[in-house]
Amino acid sequence: DAGESQRFLESYERLRPTLGYVSYTDIS
């Protein structure tokens, strides 16, 4: 949903390392 989608992007930005790859588990 829209709220979770925004939180998804915020979490992605916070968790991604230099190369930018993030695991599904970390975001979940």
mmCIF file of all heavy atoms, coordinates in Angstrom:
data_MODEL
# 
_entry.id   MODEL 
# 
loop_
_atom_site.group_PDB 
_atom_site.id 
_atom_site.type_symbol 
_atom_site.label_atom_id 
_atom_site.label_alt_id 
_atom_site.label_comp_id 
_atom_site.label_asym_id 
_atom_site.label_entity_id 
_atom_site.label_seq_id 
_atom_site.pdbx_PDB_ins_code 
_atom_site.Cartn_x 
_atom_site.Cartn_y 
_atom_site.Cartn_z 
_atom_site.occupancy 
_atom_site.B_iso_or_equiv 
_atom_site.pdbx_formal_charge 
_atom_site.auth_seq_id 
_atom_site.auth_comp_id 
_atom_site.auth_asym_id 
_atom_site.auth_atom_id 
_atom_site.pdbx_PDB_model_num 
ATOM 1   N N   . ASP A 1 1  ? 0.849  -1.193  0.000  1.00 0.00 ? 1  ASP A N   1 
ATOM 2   C CA  . ASP A 1 1  ? 0.000  0.000   0.000  1.00 0.00 ? 1  ASP A CA  1 
ATOM 3   C C   . ASP A 1 1  ? 0.887  1.246   0.000  1.00 0.00 ? 1  ASP A C   1 
ATOM 4   O O   . ASP A 1 1  ? 2.105  1.158   0.169  1.00 0.00 ? 1  ASP A O   1 
ATOM 5   C CB  . ASP A 1 1  ? -0.988 -0.019  1.168  1.00 0.00 ? 1  ASP A CB  1 
ATOM 6   C CG  . ASP A 1 1  ? -0.336 0.090   2.532  1.00 0.00 ? 1  ASP A CG  1 
ATOM 7   O OD1 . ASP A 1 1  ? 0.634  0.853   2.680  1.00 0.00 ? 1  ASP A OD1 1 
ATOM 8   O OD2 . ASP A 1 1  ? -0.803 -0.588  3.457  1.00 0.00 ? 1  ASP A OD2 1 
ATOM 9   N N   . ALA A 1 2  ? 0.301  2.405   -0.201 1.00 0.00 ? 2  ALA A N   1 
ATOM 10  C CA  . ALA A 1 2  ? 1.070  3.642   -0.399 1.00 0.00 ? 2  ALA A CA  1 
ATOM 11  C C   . ALA A 1 2  ? 2.007  3.946   0.779  1.00 0.00 ? 2  ALA A C   1 
ATOM 12  O O   . ALA A 1 2  ? 3.167  4.308   0.591  1.00 0.00 ? 2  ALA A O   1 
ATOM 13  C CB  . ALA A 1 2  ? 0.126  4.809   -0.639 1.00 0.00 ? 2  ALA A CB  1 
ATOM 14  N N   . GLY A 1 3  ? 1.517  3.792   2.006  1.00 0.00 ? 3  GLY A N   1 
ATOM 15  C CA  . GLY A 1 3  ? 2.346  4.067   3.180  1.00 0.00 ? 3  GLY A CA  1 
ATOM 16  C C   . GLY A 1 3  ? 3.508  3.097   3.294  1.00 0.00 ? 3  GLY A C   1 
ATOM 17  O O   . GLY A 1 3  ? 4.636  3.502   3.568  1.00 0.00 ? 3  GLY A O   1 
ATOM 18  N N   . GLU A 1 4  ? 3.228  1.810   3.095  1.00 0.00 ? 4  GLU A N   1 
ATOM 19  C CA  . GLU A 1 4  ? 4.291  0.807   3.162  1.00 0.00 ? 4  GLU A CA  1 
ATOM 20  C C   . GLU A 1 4  ? 5.282  0.989   2.020  1.00 0.00 ? 4  GLU A C   1 
ATOM 21  O O   . GLU A 1 4  ? 6.467  0.760   2.188  1.00 0.00 ? 4  GLU A O   1 
ATOM 22  C CB  . GLU A 1 4  ? 3.709  -0.607  3.133  1.00 0.00 ? 4  GLU A CB  1 
ATOM 23  C CG  . GLU A 1 4  ? 3.071  -1.029  4.434  1.00 0.00 ? 4  GLU A CG  1 
ATOM 24  C CD  . GLU A 1 4  ? 2.506  -2.430  4.363  1.00 0.00 ? 4  GLU A CD  1 
ATOM 25  O OE1 . GLU A 1 4  ? 2.040  -2.845  3.284  1.00 0.00 ? 4  GLU A OE1 1 
ATOM 26  O OE2 . GLU A 1 4  ? 2.538  -3.109  5.402  1.00 0.00 ? 4  GLU A OE2 1 
ATOM 27  N N   . SER A 1 5  ? 4.787  1.399   0.858  1.00 0.00 ? 5  SER A N   1 
ATOM 28  C CA  . SER A 1 5  ? 5.669  1.623   -0.284 1.00 0.00 ? 5  SER A CA  1 
ATOM 29  C C   . SER A 1 5  ? 6.670  2.738   0.015  1.00 0.00 ? 5  SER A C   1 
ATOM 30  O O   . SER A 1 5  ? 7.852  2.624   -0.302 1.00 0.00 ? 5  SER A O   1 
ATOM 31  C CB  . SER A 1 5  ? 4.830  1.961   -1.519 1.00 0.00 ? 5  SER A CB  1 
ATOM 32  O OG  . SER A 1 5  ? 5.647  2.088   -2.642 1.00 0.00 ? 5  SER A OG  1 
ATOM 33  N N   . GLN A 1 6  ? 6.206  3.800   0.650  1.00 0.00 ? 6  GLN A N   1 
ATOM 34  C CA  . GLN A 1 6  ? 7.101  4.899   1.030  1.00 0.00 ? 6  GLN A CA  1 
ATOM 35  C C   . GLN A 1 6  ? 8.100  4.427   2.074  1.00 0.00 ? 6  GLN A C   1 
ATOM 36  O O   . GLN A 1 6  ? 9.290  4.719   1.985  1.00 0.00 ? 6  GLN A O   1 
ATOM 37  C CB  . GLN A 1 6  ? 6.299  6.096   1.559  1.00 0.00 ? 6  GLN A CB  1 
ATOM 38  C CG  . GLN A 1 6  ? 7.158  7.276   1.930  1.00 0.00 ? 6  GLN A CG  1 
ATOM 39  C CD  . GLN A 1 6  ? 7.976  7.806   0.764  1.00 0.00 ? 6  GLN A CD  1 
ATOM 40  O OE1 . GLN A 1 6  ? 7.524  7.851   -0.364 1.00 0.00 ? 6  GLN A OE1 1 
ATOM 41  N NE2 . GLN A 1 6  ? 9.206  8.203   1.032  1.00 0.00 ? 6  GLN A NE2 1 
ATOM 42  N N   . ARG A 1 7  ? 7.655  3.662   3.062  1.00 0.00 ? 7  ARG A N   1 
ATOM 43  C CA  . ARG A 1 7  ? 8.551  3.115   4.081  1.00 0.00 ? 7  ARG A CA  1 
ATOM 44  C C   . ARG A 1 7  ? 9.549  2.134   3.460  1.00 0.00 ? 7  ARG A C   1 
ATOM 45  O O   . ARG A 1 7  ? 10.698 2.042   3.901  1.00 0.00 ? 7  ARG A O   1 
ATOM 46  C CB  . ARG A 1 7  ? 7.743  2.433   5.193  1.00 0.00 ? 7  ARG A CB  1 
ATOM 47  C CG  . ARG A 1 7  ? 7.028  3.431   6.077  1.00 0.00 ? 7  ARG A CG  1 
ATOM 48  C CD  . ARG A 1 7  ? 6.240  2.854   7.246  1.00 0.00 ? 7  ARG A CD  1 
ATOM 49  N NE  . ARG A 1 7  ? 6.717  1.592   7.749  1.00 0.00 ? 7  ARG A NE  1 
ATOM 50  C CZ  . ARG A 1 7  ? 5.957  0.504   7.913  1.00 0.00 ? 7  ARG A CZ  1 
ATOM 51  N NH1 . ARG A 1 7  ? 4.688  0.518   7.604  1.00 0.00 ? 7  ARG A NH1 1 
ATOM 52  N NH2 . ARG A 1 7  ? 6.473  -0.611  8.416  1.00 0.00 ? 7  ARG A NH2 1 
ATOM 53  N N   . PHE A 1 8  ? 9.111  1.398   2.422  1.00 0.00 ? 8  PHE A N   1 
ATOM 54  C CA  . PHE A 1 8  ? 9.998  0.490   1.694  1.00 0.00 ? 8  PHE A CA  1 
ATOM 55  C C   . PHE A 1 8  ? 11.180 1.270   1.115  1.00 0.00 ? 8  PHE A C   1 
ATOM 56  O O   . PHE A 1 8  ? 12.336 0.886   1.275  1.00 0.00 ? 8  PHE A O   1 
ATOM 57  C CB  . PHE A 1 8  ? 9.211  -0.212  0.580  1.00 0.00 ? 8  PHE A CB  1 
ATOM 58  C CG  . PHE A 1 8  ? 10.056 -0.936  -0.423 1.00 0.00 ? 8  PHE A CG  1 
ATOM 59  C CD1 . PHE A 1 8  ? 10.470 -2.240  -0.184 1.00 0.00 ? 8  PHE A CD1 1 
ATOM 60  C CD2 . PHE A 1 8  ? 10.442 -0.330  -1.607 1.00 0.00 ? 8  PHE A CD2 1 
ATOM 61  C CE1 . PHE A 1 8  ? 11.253 -2.913  -1.107 1.00 0.00 ? 8  PHE A CE1 1 
ATOM 62  C CE2 . PHE A 1 8  ? 11.218 -0.991  -2.539 1.00 0.00 ? 8  PHE A CE2 1 
ATOM 63  C CZ  . PHE A 1 8  ? 11.621 -2.292  -2.282 1.00 0.00 ? 8  PHE A CZ  1 
ATOM 64  N N   . LEU A 1 9  ? 10.891 2.389   0.433  1.00 0.00 ? 9  LEU A N   1 
ATOM 65  C CA  . LEU A 1 9  ? 11.960 3.197   -0.167 1.00 0.00 ? 9  LEU A CA  1 
ATOM 66  C C   . LEU A 1 9  ? 12.868 3.799   0.902  1.00 0.00 ? 9  LEU A C   1 
ATOM 67  O O   . LEU A 1 9  ? 14.093 3.837   0.736  1.00 0.00 ? 9  LEU A O   1 
ATOM 68  C CB  . LEU A 1 9  ? 11.362 4.294   -1.046 1.00 0.00 ? 9  LEU A CB  1 
ATOM 69  C CG  . LEU A 1 9  ? 10.684 3.806   -2.322 1.00 0.00 ? 9  LEU A CG  1 
ATOM 70  C CD1 . LEU A 1 9  ? 9.998  4.968   -3.032 1.00 0.00 ? 9  LEU A CD1 1 
ATOM 71  C CD2 . LEU A 1 9  ? 11.681 3.128   -3.237 1.00 0.00 ? 9  LEU A CD2 1 
ATOM 72  N N   . GLU A 1 10 ? 12.285 4.258   2.006  1.00 0.00 ? 10 GLU A N   1 
ATOM 73  C CA  . GLU A 1 10 ? 13.101 4.812   3.093  1.00 0.00 ? 10 GLU A CA  1 
ATOM 74  C C   . GLU A 1 10 ? 14.009 3.737   3.692  1.00 0.00 ? 10 GLU A C   1 
ATOM 75  O O   . GLU A 1 10 ? 15.189 3.992   3.949  1.00 0.00 ? 10 GLU A O   1 
ATOM 76  C CB  . GLU A 1 10 ? 12.189 5.402   4.167  1.00 0.00 ? 10 GLU A CB  1 
ATOM 77  C CG  . GLU A 1 10 ? 11.463 6.660   3.718  1.00 0.00 ? 10 GLU A CG  1 
ATOM 78  C CD  . GLU A 1 10 ? 10.335 7.063   4.655  1.00 0.00 ? 10 GLU A CD  1 
ATOM 79  O OE1 . GLU A 1 10 ? 10.096 6.373   5.670  1.00 0.00 ? 10 GLU A OE1 1 
ATOM 80  O OE2 . GLU A 1 10 ? 9.677  8.079   4.362  1.00 0.00 ? 10 GLU A OE2 1 
ATOM 81  N N   . SER A 1 11 ? 13.473 2.552   3.897  1.00 0.00 ? 11 SER A N   1 
ATOM 82  C CA  . SER A 1 11 ? 14.264 1.448   4.439  1.00 0.00 ? 11 SER A CA  1 
ATOM 83  C C   . SER A 1 11 ? 15.357 1.037   3.466  1.00 0.00 ? 11 SER A C   1 
ATOM 84  O O   . SER A 1 11 ? 16.491 0.770   3.861  1.00 0.00 ? 11 SER A O   1 
ATOM 85  C CB  . SER A 1 11 ? 13.382 0.239   4.755  1.00 0.00 ? 11 SER A CB  1 
ATOM 86  O OG  . SER A 1 11 ? 12.494 0.547   5.785  1.00 0.00 ? 11 SER A OG  1 
ATOM 87  N N   . TYR A 1 12 ? 15.020 0.997   2.184  1.00 0.00 ? 12 TYR A N   1 
ATOM 88  C CA  . TYR A 1 12 ? 16.015 0.649   1.162  1.00 0.00 ? 12 TYR A CA  1 
ATOM 89  C C   . TYR A 1 12 ? 17.179 1.637   1.221  1.00 0.00 ? 12 TYR A C   1 
ATOM 90  O O   . TYR A 1 12 ? 18.342 1.241   1.243  1.00 0.00 ? 12 TYR A O   1 
ATOM 91  C CB  . TYR A 1 12 ? 15.371 0.637   -0.228 1.00 0.00 ? 12 TYR A CB  1 
ATOM 92  C CG  . TYR A 1 12 ? 16.394 0.464   -1.325 1.00 0.00 ? 12 TYR A CG  1 
ATOM 93  C CD1 . TYR A 1 12 ? 16.888 -0.799  -1.636 1.00 0.00 ? 12 TYR A CD1 1 
ATOM 94  C CD2 . TYR A 1 12 ? 16.895 1.555   -2.019 1.00 0.00 ? 12 TYR A CD2 1 
ATOM 95  C CE1 . TYR A 1 12 ? 17.855 -0.963  -2.609 1.00 0.00 ? 12 TYR A CE1 1 
ATOM 96  C CE2 . TYR A 1 12 ? 17.852 1.399   -2.999 1.00 0.00 ? 12 TYR A CE2 1 
ATOM 97  C CZ  . TYR A 1 12 ? 18.329 0.140   -3.299 1.00 0.00 ? 12 TYR A CZ  1 
ATOM 98  O OH  . TYR A 1 12 ? 19.289 -0.011  -4.262 1.00 0.00 ? 12 TYR A OH  1 
ATOM 99  N N   . GLU A 1 13 ? 16.872 2.918   1.251  1.00 0.00 ? 13 GLU A N   1 
ATOM 100 C CA  . GLU A 1 13 ? 17.926 3.946   1.284  1.00 0.00 ? 13 GLU A CA  1 
ATOM 101 C C   . GLU A 1 13 ? 18.786 3.817   2.537  1.00 0.00 ? 13 GLU A C   1 
ATOM 102 O O   . GLU A 1 13 ? 20.002 3.991   2.486  1.00 0.00 ? 13 GLU A O   1 
ATOM 103 C CB  . GLU A 1 13 ? 17.312 5.346   1.211  1.00 0.00 ? 13 GLU A CB  1 
ATOM 104 C CG  . GLU A 1 13 ? 16.743 5.699   -0.147 1.00 0.00 ? 13 GLU A CG  1 
ATOM 105 C CD  . GLU A 1 13 ? 17.802 5.748   -1.243 1.00 0.00 ? 13 GLU A CD  1 
ATOM 106 O OE1 . GLU A 1 13 ? 18.951 6.129   -0.970 1.00 0.00 ? 13 GLU A OE1 1 
ATOM 107 O OE2 . GLU A 1 13 ? 17.483 5.383   -2.377 1.00 0.00 ? 13 GLU A OE2 1 
ATOM 108 N N   . ARG A 1 14 ? 18.176 3.512   3.650  1.00 0.00 ? 14 ARG A N   1 
ATOM 109 C CA  . ARG A 1 14 ? 18.902 3.400   4.914  1.00 0.00 ? 14 ARG A CA  1 
ATOM 110 C C   . ARG A 1 14 ? 19.764 2.141   4.966  1.00 0.00 ? 14 ARG A C   1 
ATOM 111 O O   . ARG A 1 14 ? 20.869 2.157   5.498  1.00 0.00 ? 14 ARG A O   1 
ATOM 112 C CB  . ARG A 1 14 ? 17.897 3.415   6.070  1.00 0.00 ? 14 ARG A CB  1 
ATOM 113 C CG  . ARG A 1 14 ? 18.522 3.513   7.433  1.00 0.00 ? 14 ARG A CG  1 
ATOM 114 C CD  . ARG A 1 14 ? 17.504 3.629   8.561  1.00 0.00 ? 14 ARG A CD  1 
ATOM 115 N NE  . ARG A 1 14 ? 16.678 2.433   8.686  1.00 0.00 ? 14 ARG A NE  1 
ATOM 116 C CZ  . ARG A 1 14 ? 15.405 2.336   8.332  1.00 0.00 ? 14 ARG A CZ  1 
ATOM 117 N NH1 . ARG A 1 14 ? 14.769 3.381   7.820  1.00 0.00 ? 14 ARG A NH1 1 
ATOM 118 N NH2 . ARG A 1 14 ? 14.735 1.211   8.478  1.00 0.00 ? 14 ARG A NH2 1 
ATOM 119 N N   . LEU A 1 15 ? 19.291 1.039   4.388  1.00 0.00 ? 15 LEU A N   1 
ATOM 120 C CA  . LEU A 1 15 ? 19.974 -0.249  4.505  1.00 0.00 ? 15 LEU A CA  1 
ATOM 121 C C   . LEU A 1 15 ? 20.976 -0.547  3.396  1.00 0.00 ? 15 LEU A C   1 
ATOM 122 O O   . LEU A 1 15 ? 21.844 -1.391  3.567  1.00 0.00 ? 15 LEU A O   1 
ATOM 123 C CB  . LEU A 1 15 ? 18.941 -1.386  4.544  1.00 0.00 ? 15 LEU A CB  1 
ATOM 124 C CG  . LEU A 1 15 ? 18.050 -1.426  5.779  1.00 0.00 ? 15 LEU A CG  1 
ATOM 125 C CD1 . LEU A 1 15 ? 16.937 -2.453  5.583  1.00 0.00 ? 15 LEU A CD1 1 
ATOM 126 C CD2 . LEU A 1 15 ? 18.870 -1.751  7.017  1.00 0.00 ? 15 LEU A CD2 1 
ATOM 127 N N   . ARG A 1 16 ? 20.853 0.124   2.285  1.00 0.00 ? 16 ARG A N   1 
ATOM 128 C CA  . ARG A 1 16 ? 21.705 -0.256  1.157  1.00 0.00 ? 16 ARG A CA  1 
ATOM 129 C C   . ARG A 1 16 ? 23.165 0.130   1.398  1.00 0.00 ? 16 ARG A C   1 
ATOM 130 O O   . ARG A 1 16 ? 23.464 1.230   1.820  1.00 0.00 ? 16 ARG A O   1 
ATOM 131 C CB  . ARG A 1 16 ? 21.206 0.325   -0.148 1.00 0.00 ? 16 ARG A CB  1 
ATOM 132 C CG  . ARG A 1 16 ? 21.457 1.778   -0.340 1.00 0.00 ? 16 ARG A CG  1 
ATOM 133 C CD  . ARG A 1 16 ? 20.836 2.251   -1.648 1.00 0.00 ? 16 ARG A CD  1 
ATOM 134 N NE  . ARG A 1 16 ? 20.889 3.695   -1.689 1.00 0.00 ? 16 ARG A NE  1 
ATOM 135 C CZ  . ARG A 1 16 ? 21.809 4.382   -2.328 1.00 0.00 ? 16 ARG A CZ  1 
ATOM 136 N NH1 . ARG A 1 16 ? 22.740 3.758   -3.007 1.00 0.00 ? 16 ARG A NH1 1 
ATOM 137 N NH2 . ARG A 1 16 ? 21.805 5.690   -2.302 1.00 0.00 ? 16 ARG A NH2 1 
ATOM 138 N N   . PRO A 1 17 ? 24.055 -0.804  1.108  1.00 0.00 ? 17 PRO A N   1 
ATOM 139 C CA  . PRO A 1 17 ? 25.492 -0.519  1.232  1.00 0.00 ? 17 PRO A CA  1 
ATOM 140 C C   . PRO A 1 17 ? 25.982 0.229   -0.013 1.00 0.00 ? 17 PRO A C   1 
ATOM 141 O O   . PRO A 1 17 ? 25.188 0.601   -0.877 1.00 0.00 ? 17 PRO A O   1 
ATOM 142 C CB  . PRO A 1 17 ? 26.102 -1.913  1.326  1.00 0.00 ? 17 PRO A CB  1 
ATOM 143 C CG  . PRO A 1 17 ? 25.135 -2.788  0.593  1.00 0.00 ? 17 PRO A CG  1 
ATOM 144 C CD  . PRO A 1 17 ? 23.776 -2.175  0.804  1.00 0.00 ? 17 PRO A CD  1 
ATOM 145 N N   . THR A 1 18 ? 27.256 0.393   -0.123 1.00 0.00 ? 18 THR A N   1 
ATOM 146 C CA  . THR A 1 18 ? 27.858 1.134   -1.231 1.00 0.00 ? 18 THR A CA  1 
ATOM 147 C C   . THR A 1 18 ? 27.436 0.593   -2.594 1.00 0.00 ? 18 THR A C   1 
ATOM 148 O O   . THR A 1 18 ? 27.163 1.362   -3.506 1.00 0.00 ? 18 THR A O   1 
ATOM 149 C CB  . THR A 1 18 ? 29.394 1.094   -1.116 1.00 0.00 ? 18 THR A CB  1 
ATOM 150 O OG1 . THR A 1 18 ? 29.752 1.545   0.179  1.00 0.00 ? 18 THR A OG1 1 
ATOM 151 C CG2 . THR A 1 18 ? 30.039 1.966   -2.158 1.00 0.00 ? 18 THR A CG2 1 
ATOM 152 N N   . LEU A 1 19 ? 27.402 -0.719  -2.741 1.00 0.00 ? 19 LEU A N   1 
ATOM 153 C CA  . LEU A 1 19 ? 27.033 -1.308  -4.029 1.00 0.00 ? 19 LEU A CA  1 
ATOM 154 C C   . LEU A 1 19 ? 25.538 -1.233  -4.300 1.00 0.00 ? 19 LEU A C   1 
ATOM 155 O O   . LEU A 1 19 ? 25.098 -1.446  -5.417 1.00 0.00 ? 19 LEU A O   1 
ATOM 156 C CB  . LEU A 1 19 ? 27.503 -2.759  -4.111 1.00 0.00 ? 19 LEU A CB  1 
ATOM 157 C CG  . LEU A 1 19 ? 29.014 -2.948  -4.098 1.00 0.00 ? 19 LEU A CG  1 
ATOM 158 C CD1 . LEU A 1 19 ? 29.349 -4.438  -4.090 1.00 0.00 ? 19 LEU A CD1 1 
ATOM 159 C CD2 . LEU A 1 19 ? 29.654 -2.270  -5.291 1.00 0.00 ? 19 LEU A CD2 1 
ATOM 160 N N   . GLY A 1 20 ? 24.751 -0.974  -3.283 1.00 0.00 ? 20 GLY A N   1 
ATOM 161 C CA  . GLY A 1 20 ? 23.325 -0.748  -3.473 1.00 0.00 ? 20 GLY A CA  1 
ATOM 162 C C   . GLY A 1 20 ? 22.431 -1.958  -3.396 1.00 0.00 ? 20 GLY A C   1 
ATOM 163 O O   . GLY A 1 20 ? 21.225 -1.832  -3.492 1.00 0.00 ? 20 GLY A O   1 
ATOM 164 N N   . TYR A 1 21 ? 22.981 -3.154  -3.232 1.00 0.00 ? 21 TYR A N   1 
ATOM 165 C CA  . TYR A 1 21 ? 22.142 -4.355  -3.184 1.00 0.00 ? 21 TYR A CA  1 
ATOM 166 C C   . TYR A 1 21 ? 21.672 -4.619  -1.758 1.00 0.00 ? 21 TYR A C   1 
ATOM 167 O O   . TYR A 1 21 ? 22.452 -4.531  -0.811 1.00 0.00 ? 21 TYR A O   1 
ATOM 168 C CB  . TYR A 1 21 ? 22.903 -5.582  -3.696 1.00 0.00 ? 21 TYR A CB  1 
ATOM 169 C CG  . TYR A 1 21 ? 23.085 -5.554  -5.192 1.00 0.00 ? 21 TYR A CG  1 
ATOM 170 C CD1 . TYR A 1 21 ? 24.245 -5.042  -5.747 1.00 0.00 ? 21 TYR A CD1 1 
ATOM 171 C CD2 . TYR A 1 21 ? 22.085 -6.020  -6.038 1.00 0.00 ? 21 TYR A CD2 1 
ATOM 172 C CE1 . TYR A 1 21 ? 24.421 -5.000  -7.121 1.00 0.00 ? 21 TYR A CE1 1 
ATOM 173 C CE2 . TYR A 1 21 ? 22.253 -5.989  -7.405 1.00 0.00 ? 21 TYR A CE2 1 
ATOM 174 C CZ  . TYR A 1 21 ? 23.419 -5.479  -7.944 1.00 0.00 ? 21 TYR A CZ  1 
ATOM 175 O OH  . TYR A 1 21 ? 23.580 -5.437  -9.299 1.00 0.00 ? 21 TYR A OH  1 
ATOM 176 N N   . VAL A 1 22 ? 20.381 -4.930  -1.612 1.00 0.00 ? 22 VAL A N   1 
ATOM 177 C CA  . VAL A 1 22 ? 19.760 -5.168  -0.311 1.00 0.00 ? 22 VAL A CA  1 
ATOM 178 C C   . VAL A 1 22 ? 19.017 -6.499  -0.374 1.00 0.00 ? 22 VAL A C   1 
ATOM 179 O O   . VAL A 1 22 ? 18.478 -6.871  -1.420 1.00 0.00 ? 22 VAL A O   1 
ATOM 180 C CB  . VAL A 1 22 ? 18.785 -4.026  0.036  1.00 0.00 ? 22 VAL A CB  1 
ATOM 181 C CG1 . VAL A 1 22 ? 18.090 -4.262  1.358  1.00 0.00 ? 22 VAL A CG1 1 
ATOM 182 C CG2 . VAL A 1 22 ? 19.500 -2.693  0.053  1.00 0.00 ? 22 VAL A CG2 1 
ATOM 183 N N   . SER A 1 23 ? 18.965 -7.203  0.738  1.00 0.00 ? 23 SER A N   1 
ATOM 184 C CA  . SER A 1 23 ? 18.234 -8.476  0.758  1.00 0.00 ? 23 SER A CA  1 
ATOM 185 C C   . SER A 1 23 ? 16.755 -8.245  1.053  1.00 0.00 ? 23 SER A C   1 
ATOM 186 O O   . SER A 1 23 ? 16.383 -7.291  1.743  1.00 0.00 ? 23 SER A O   1 
ATOM 187 C CB  . SER A 1 23 ? 18.828 -9.435  1.787  1.00 0.00 ? 23 SER A CB  1 
ATOM 188 O OG  . SER A 1 23 ? 18.443 -9.073  3.086  1.00 0.00 ? 23 SER A OG  1 
ATOM 189 N N   . TYR A 1 24 ? 15.926 -9.140  0.536  1.00 0.00 ? 24 TYR A N   1 
ATOM 190 C CA  . TYR A 1 24 ? 14.497 -9.097  0.814  1.00 0.00 ? 24 TYR A CA  1 
ATOM 191 C C   . TYR A 1 24 ? 14.260 -9.207  2.318  1.00 0.00 ? 24 TYR A C   1 
ATOM 192 O O   . TYR A 1 24 ? 13.398 -8.536  2.877  1.00 0.00 ? 24 TYR A O   1 
ATOM 193 C CB  . TYR A 1 24 ? 13.773 -10.256 0.118  1.00 0.00 ? 24 TYR A CB  1 
ATOM 194 C CG  . TYR A 1 24 ? 13.881 -10.239 -1.378 1.00 0.00 ? 24 TYR A CG  1 
ATOM 195 C CD1 . TYR A 1 24 ? 14.678 -11.149 -2.044 1.00 0.00 ? 24 TYR A CD1 1 
ATOM 196 C CD2 . TYR A 1 24 ? 13.168 -9.316  -2.132 1.00 0.00 ? 24 TYR A CD2 1 
ATOM 197 C CE1 . TYR A 1 24 ? 14.780 -11.148 -3.425 1.00 0.00 ? 24 TYR A CE1 1 
ATOM 198 C CE2 . TYR A 1 24 ? 13.264 -9.291  -3.511 1.00 0.00 ? 24 TYR A CE2 1 
ATOM 199 C CZ  . TYR A 1 24 ? 14.069 -10.216 -4.156 1.00 0.00 ? 24 TYR A CZ  1 
ATOM 200 O OH  . TYR A 1 24 ? 14.162 -10.194 -5.511 1.00 0.00 ? 24 TYR A OH  1 
ATOM 201 N N   . THR A 1 25 ? 15.047 -10.046 2.983  1.00 0.00 ? 25 THR A N   1 
ATOM 202 C CA  . THR A 1 25 ? 14.879 -10.298 4.417  1.00 0.00 ? 25 THR A CA  1 
ATOM 203 C C   . THR A 1 25 ? 15.148 -9.047  5.242  1.00 0.00 ? 25 THR A C   1 
ATOM 204 O O   . THR A 1 25 ? 14.401 -8.744  6.176  1.00 0.00 ? 25 THR A O   1 
ATOM 205 C CB  . THR A 1 25 ? 15.810 -11.442 4.862  1.00 0.00 ? 25 THR A CB  1 
ATOM 206 O OG1 . THR A 1 25 ? 15.596 -12.558 4.015  1.00 0.00 ? 25 THR A OG1 1 
ATOM 207 C CG2 . THR A 1 25 ? 15.536 -11.845 6.290  1.00 0.00 ? 25 THR A CG2 1 
ATOM 208 N N   . ASP A 1 26 ? 16.216 -8.322  4.917  1.00 0.00 ? 26 ASP A N   1 
ATOM 209 C CA  . ASP A 1 26 ? 16.539 -7.110  5.679  1.00 0.00 ? 26 ASP A CA  1 
ATOM 210 C C   . ASP A 1 26 ? 15.425 -6.076  5.585  1.00 0.00 ? 26 ASP A C   1 
ATOM 211 O O   . ASP A 1 26 ? 15.049 -5.455  6.572  1.00 0.00 ? 26 ASP A O   1 
ATOM 212 C CB  . ASP A 1 26 ? 17.853 -6.493  5.196  1.00 0.00 ? 26 ASP A CB  1 
ATOM 213 C CG  . ASP A 1 26 ? 19.067 -7.309  5.578  1.00 0.00 ? 26 ASP A CG  1 
ATOM 214 O OD1 . ASP A 1 26 ? 18.935 -8.201  6.452  1.00 0.00 ? 26 ASP A OD1 1 
ATOM 215 O OD2 . ASP A 1 26 ? 20.141 -7.079  4.998  1.00 0.00 ? 26 ASP A OD2 1 
ATOM 216 N N   . ILE A 1 27 ? 14.905 -5.882  4.386  1.00 0.00 ? 27 ILE A N   1 
ATOM 217 C CA  . ILE A 1 27 ? 13.811 -4.919  4.204  1.00 0.00 ? 27 ILE A CA  1 
ATOM 218 C C   . ILE A 1 27 ? 12.559 -5.407  4.926  1.00 0.00 ? 27 ILE A C   1 
ATOM 219 O O   . ILE A 1 27 ? 11.861 -4.618  5.563  1.00 0.00 ? 27 ILE A O   1 
ATOM 220 C CB  . ILE A 1 27 ? 13.502 -4.696  2.705  1.00 0.00 ? 27 ILE A CB  1 
ATOM 221 C CG1 . ILE A 1 27 ? 14.712 -4.074  2.004  1.00 0.00 ? 27 ILE A CG1 1 
ATOM 222 C CG2 . ILE A 1 27 ? 12.267 -3.823  2.521  1.00 0.00 ? 27 ILE A CG2 1 
ATOM 223 C CD1 . ILE A 1 27 ? 14.933 -2.620  2.269  1.00 0.00 ? 27 ILE A CD1 1 
ATOM 224 N N   . SER A 1 28 ? 12.265 -6.695  4.840  1.00 0.00 ? 28 SER A N   1 
ATOM 225 C CA  . SER A 1 28 ? 11.056 -7.215  5.490  1.00 0.00 ? 28 SER A CA  1 
ATOM 226 C C   . SER A 1 28 ? 11.125 -7.048  7.001  1.00 0.00 ? 28 SER A C   1 
ATOM 227 O O   . SER A 1 28 ? 10.121 -6.726  7.640  1.00 0.00 ? 28 SER A O   1 
ATOM 228 C CB  . SER A 1 28 ? 10.801 -8.674  5.114  1.00 0.00 ? 28 SER A CB  1 
ATOM 229 O OG  . SER A 1 28 ? 11.739 -9.525  5.714  1.00 0.00 ? 28 SER A OG  1 
# 
